[in-house]
Amino acid sequence: MASLLEMKEIFRNADAVCFDVDSTVIKEEGIDELAKFCGVGDAVAEMTRRAMGGTVTFKAALTARLGLIRPSYEQVQKLISDNPPQLTPGIRELVSRLHQRKVQVFLVSGGFQSIVEHVASQLNIPTANVFANRLKFYFNGEYAGFDETQPTAESGGKGKVIAHLKEQFHFKKVVMIGDGATDMCSESGGKGKDCFIGFGGNVIRKQVKEKAKWYITHFDELLKELEER
């Protein structure tokens, strides 16, 4: 297991940085905002808390939450236009700095493609660098489920995305930054991420705070690491 100093070195020399989106890159949990918008906020927020704590499988939690919300295509679009996701302070500057250093930036999210693509556009991240869950709709716009073949629909799916990126682009050092249990699995120098940075700037997940060797509460801490080199 890498020490904190080694992890900081990996971050400073990373080929790619992958960010979780909900409660990391943006202040909110997208699925909770969608639930509130559709009138089932409290029930779904409780399911999200359980999913983030790692006590149920991600796919089971996603299926149950979406089964309650049943969002239409129109509702999703109206949410994005009426209540656009709020970027976390410091993320714009951090992504911009990483881009200046020719580091590839990816958004790897258990949230929804349409919302995450909107966030990506705010940060000048190409849509090809977005990995998220896709909602499905019938021709009349009613909810028809979600694409269960996406790796991000599974527990451990973010690790699969990172393994795919390493294989495709031959990245040597990949960093994952996020707030939840789905973002945190053991660091490995093989196919998975090489460094995990826990983020508690919007919400603190007890399990992540206790287990992450490197835990930050503001993106300025990472900007400083880059400036020191």
Protein backbone atom coordinates (compact mmCIF):
# COMPACT_ATOMS: atom_id res chain seq x y z
CA MET A 1 0.00 0.00 0.00
CA ALA A 2 1.33 3.41 -0.97
CA SER A 3 2.19 5.90 1.76
CA LEU A 4 0.68 9.40 1.74
CA LEU A 5 3.91 10.83 0.32
CA GLU A 6 3.92 8.23 -2.45
CA MET A 7 0.27 8.98 -3.20
CA LYS A 8 1.03 12.69 -3.52
CA GLU A 9 3.83 11.83 -5.93
CA ILE A 10 1.44 9.68 -7.99
CA PHE A 11 -1.06 12.54 -8.13
CA ARG A 12 1.58 15.05 -9.24
CA ASN A 13 2.68 12.69 -12.03
CA ALA A 14 -0.71 11.27 -13.00
CA ASP A 15 -1.54 10.51 -16.63
CA ALA A 16 -5.25 10.68 -15.86
CA VAL A 17 -7.51 11.85 -13.04
CA CYS A 18 -11.01 10.39 -12.68
CA PHE A 19 -13.59 12.28 -10.66
CA ASP A 20 -16.81 11.04 -9.16
CA VAL A 21 -19.52 13.63 -9.87
CA ASP A 22 -22.34 13.68 -7.29
CA SER A 23 -21.23 15.36 -4.02
CA THR A 24 -17.71 15.64 -5.48
CA VAL A 25 -17.57 17.67 -8.69
CA ILE A 26 -21.05 19.02 -7.95
CA LYS A 27 -22.55 19.90 -4.58
CA GLU A 28 -25.65 17.75 -4.95
CA GLU A 29 -26.56 14.11 -5.43
CA GLY A 30 -28.14 14.18 -8.90
CA ILE A 31 -30.54 11.32 -8.20
CA ASP A 32 -31.76 13.01 -5.00
CA GLU A 33 -32.37 16.27 -6.90
CA LEU A 34 -34.29 14.37 -9.57
CA ALA A 35 -36.33 12.62 -6.85
CA LYS A 36 -37.20 15.94 -5.19
CA PHE A 37 -38.15 17.36 -8.56
CA CYS A 38 -40.47 14.37 -9.10
CA GLY A 39 -41.96 14.56 -5.59
CA VAL A 40 -40.36 11.51 -3.91
CA GLY A 41 -37.30 13.19 -2.36
CA ASP A 42 -37.33 11.84 1.21
CA ALA A 43 -37.76 8.16 0.35
CA VAL A 44 -35.02 8.27 -2.28
CA ALA A 45 -32.56 10.25 -0.11
CA GLU A 46 -32.74 7.48 2.50
CA MET A 47 -31.95 4.86 -0.17
CA THR A 48 -28.99 6.97 -1.36
CA ARG A 49 -27.59 7.13 2.18
CA ARG A 50 -27.72 3.34 2.41
CA ALA A 51 -26.12 2.92 -1.02
CA MET A 52 -23.29 5.32 -0.19
CA GLY A 53 -22.60 3.49 3.05
CA GLY A 54 -21.95 0.37 1.04
CA THR A 55 -24.63 -1.76 2.75
CA VAL A 56 -26.57 -2.62 -0.44
CA THR A 57 -25.34 -3.29 -3.97
CA PHE A 58 -25.25 -0.24 -6.17
CA LYS A 59 -27.43 -1.75 -8.90
CA ALA A 60 -30.09 -2.85 -6.39
CA ALA A 61 -30.18 0.64 -4.90
CA LEU A 62 -30.29 2.30 -8.32
CA THR A 63 -33.12 0.02 -9.51
CA ALA A 64 -35.16 0.67 -6.35
CA ARG A 65 -34.64 4.44 -6.45
CA LEU A 66 -35.47 4.79 -10.13
CA GLY A 67 -38.50 2.54 -9.63
CA LEU A 68 -39.80 5.12 -7.17
CA ILE A 69 -38.89 8.20 -9.23
CA ARG A 70 -39.85 6.95 -12.71
CA PRO A 71 -38.61 10.19 -14.30
CA SER A 72 -39.85 11.14 -17.76
CA TYR A 73 -37.53 12.51 -20.44
CA GLU A 74 -39.19 15.92 -20.05
CA GLN A 75 -38.66 15.94 -16.27
CA VAL A 76 -34.94 15.20 -16.66
CA GLN A 77 -34.51 18.00 -19.20
CA LYS A 78 -36.52 20.44 -17.08
CA LEU A 79 -34.43 19.61 -13.99
CA ILE A 80 -31.23 20.45 -15.90
CA SER A 81 -32.64 23.73 -17.25
CA ASP A 82 -34.46 24.88 -14.07
CA ASN A 83 -32.04 23.56 -11.42
CA PRO A 84 -28.66 23.09 -13.10
CA PRO A 85 -26.04 21.23 -10.99
CA GLN A 86 -23.89 23.52 -8.83
CA LEU A 87 -20.14 23.06 -9.27
CA THR A 88 -18.12 22.51 -6.08
CA PRO A 89 -15.81 25.48 -5.29
CA GLY A 90 -12.32 24.95 -6.70
CA ILE A 91 -13.19 22.21 -9.20
CA ARG A 92 -13.13 24.49 -12.24
CA GLU A 93 -9.64 25.72 -11.35
CA LEU A 94 -8.36 22.22 -10.58
CA VAL A 95 -9.62 20.72 -13.85
CA SER A 96 -8.24 23.69 -15.78
CA ARG A 97 -4.82 23.21 -14.13
CA LEU A 98 -4.83 19.48 -14.90
CA HIS A 99 -5.67 20.24 -18.52
CA GLN A 100 -2.79 22.74 -18.68
CA ARG A 101 -0.50 19.96 -17.51
CA LYS A 102 -1.83 17.69 -20.30
CA VAL A 103 -3.48 15.37 -17.78
CA GLN A 104 -6.56 13.56 -19.10
CA VAL A 105 -9.64 14.23 -16.94
CA PHE A 106 -12.59 11.82 -16.80
CA LEU A 107 -15.96 11.94 -15.04
CA VAL A 108 -16.86 8.46 -13.78
CA SER A 109 -20.28 8.54 -12.17
CA GLY A 110 -23.10 6.36 -10.95
CA GLY A 111 -25.32 9.31 -11.88
CA PHE A 112 -27.05 9.97 -15.18
CA GLN A 113 -25.37 10.64 -18.51
CA SER A 114 -27.51 13.66 -19.43
CA ILE A 115 -26.78 15.44 -16.13
CA VAL A 116 -23.08 14.47 -16.11
CA GLU A 117 -22.60 15.62 -19.71
CA HIS A 118 -24.02 19.01 -18.70
CA VAL A 119 -21.42 19.18 -15.91
CA ALA A 120 -18.64 18.08 -18.31
CA SER A 121 -19.50 20.93 -20.68
CA GLN A 122 -19.04 23.43 -17.82
CA LEU A 123 -15.52 22.06 -17.25
CA ASN A 124 -14.41 21.69 -20.88
CA ILE A 125 -14.30 17.91 -20.48
CA PRO A 126 -15.15 16.09 -23.75
CA THR A 127 -18.24 13.86 -23.76
CA ALA A 128 -16.02 10.92 -24.70
CA ASN A 129 -14.47 11.26 -21.22
CA VAL A 130 -17.83 10.80 -19.47
CA PHE A 131 -18.82 7.39 -18.05
CA ALA A 132 -22.26 7.36 -16.41
CA ASN A 133 -25.60 5.58 -16.38
CA ARG A 134 -28.04 6.00 -19.24
CA LEU A 135 -31.75 6.36 -18.60
CA LYS A 136 -34.11 4.74 -21.10
CA PHE A 137 -37.41 6.21 -22.25
CA TYR A 138 -40.36 5.02 -24.33
CA PHE A 139 -41.18 6.92 -27.53
CA ASN A 140 -43.69 9.05 -25.57
CA GLY A 141 -40.99 10.13 -23.10
CA GLU A 142 -42.08 7.92 -20.18
CA TYR A 143 -39.45 6.17 -18.05
CA ALA A 144 -38.43 2.77 -19.44
CA GLY A 145 -35.60 1.76 -17.10
CA PHE A 146 -31.85 2.21 -17.39
CA ASP A 147 -29.07 0.59 -19.36
CA GLU A 148 -27.96 -2.23 -17.06
CA THR A 149 -25.00 -3.09 -19.30
CA GLN A 150 -23.12 0.10 -18.33
CA PRO A 151 -20.22 -0.72 -15.96
CA THR A 152 -21.21 2.26 -13.77
CA ALA A 153 -24.51 0.49 -12.96
CA GLU A 154 -22.61 -2.16 -10.96
CA SER A 155 -20.82 -2.15 -7.63
CA GLY A 156 -17.15 -2.06 -8.57
CA GLY A 157 -18.05 -0.63 -11.97
CA LYS A 158 -15.86 2.43 -11.57
CA GLY A 159 -12.86 0.15 -11.17
CA LYS A 160 -13.82 -1.56 -14.43
CA VAL A 161 -13.96 1.81 -16.20
CA ILE A 162 -10.48 2.68 -14.92
CA ALA A 163 -9.12 -0.72 -15.99
CA HIS A 164 -10.60 -0.10 -19.44
CA LEU A 165 -8.98 3.36 -19.63
CA LYS A 166 -5.59 1.97 -18.62
CA GLU A 167 -5.83 -0.71 -21.27
CA GLN A 168 -7.05 1.66 -23.99
CA PHE A 169 -4.70 4.58 -23.37
CA HIS A 170 -1.78 2.78 -21.65
CA PHE A 171 -1.97 5.12 -18.66
CA LYS A 172 0.66 4.32 -16.02
CA LYS A 173 -0.77 6.37 -13.15
CA VAL A 174 -4.51 6.92 -12.67
CA VAL A 175 -6.00 8.76 -9.71
CA MET A 176 -9.64 8.46 -8.54
CA ILE A 177 -11.23 11.23 -6.46
CA GLY A 178 -14.63 10.81 -4.81
CA ASP A 179 -16.78 10.93 -1.71
CA GLY A 180 -18.44 7.50 -1.61
CA ALA A 181 -17.87 3.81 -1.00
CA THR A 182 -18.29 3.12 -4.74
CA ASP A 183 -15.22 5.31 -5.41
CA MET A 184 -13.00 3.61 -2.90
CA CYS A 185 -11.50 0.21 -3.46
CA SER A 186 -7.93 -0.78 -2.72
CA GLU A 187 -5.25 1.07 -4.64
CA SER A 188 -3.38 -1.17 -7.01
CA GLY A 189 -0.60 -0.71 -9.48
CA GLY A 190 -2.22 -3.21 -11.84
CA LYS A 191 -5.42 -2.64 -13.74
CA GLY A 192 -7.18 -0.46 -11.16
CA LYS A 193 -6.49 3.03 -9.93
CA ASP A 194 -3.09 3.77 -8.44
CA CYS A 195 -4.29 6.30 -5.89
CA PHE A 196 -7.62 7.16 -4.26
CA ILE A 197 -8.28 10.58 -2.77
CA GLY A 198 -11.33 10.84 -0.52
CA PHE A 199 -13.30 14.07 -0.81
CA GLY A 200 -15.42 15.48 2.02
CA GLY A 201 -16.07 19.03 0.84
CA ASN A 202 -19.83 18.52 0.36
CA VAL A 203 -20.66 15.54 2.54
CA ILE A 204 -18.52 13.39 4.82
CA ARG A 205 -19.02 9.63 4.49
CA LYS A 206 -17.69 8.12 7.72
CA GLN A 207 -16.41 4.94 6.07
CA VAL A 208 -14.45 6.88 3.44
CA LYS A 209 -13.01 9.38 5.92
CA GLU A 210 -11.79 6.57 8.17
CA LYS A 211 -10.31 4.37 5.43
CA ALA A 212 -8.89 6.82 2.90
CA LYS A 213 -5.20 7.49 3.47
CA TRP A 214 -5.52 10.80 1.67
CA TYR A 215 -8.66 12.73 2.58
CA ILE A 216 -9.34 16.33 1.57
CA THR A 217 -12.19 18.77 2.13
CA HIS A 218 -11.33 21.38 -0.51
CA PHE A 219 -9.91 21.14 -4.03
CA ASP A 220 -7.44 23.92 -3.18
CA GLU A 221 -5.45 21.24 -1.33
CA LEU A 222 -4.85 19.46 -4.64
CA LEU A 223 -4.10 22.69 -6.50
CA LYS A 224 -1.39 23.41 -3.92
CA GLU A 225 0.13 19.98 -4.52
CA LEU A 226 0.39 20.78 -8.23
CA GLU A 227 1.86 24.23 -7.62
CA GLU A 228 4.57 22.87 -5.34
CA ARG A 229 6.18 20.87 -8.08
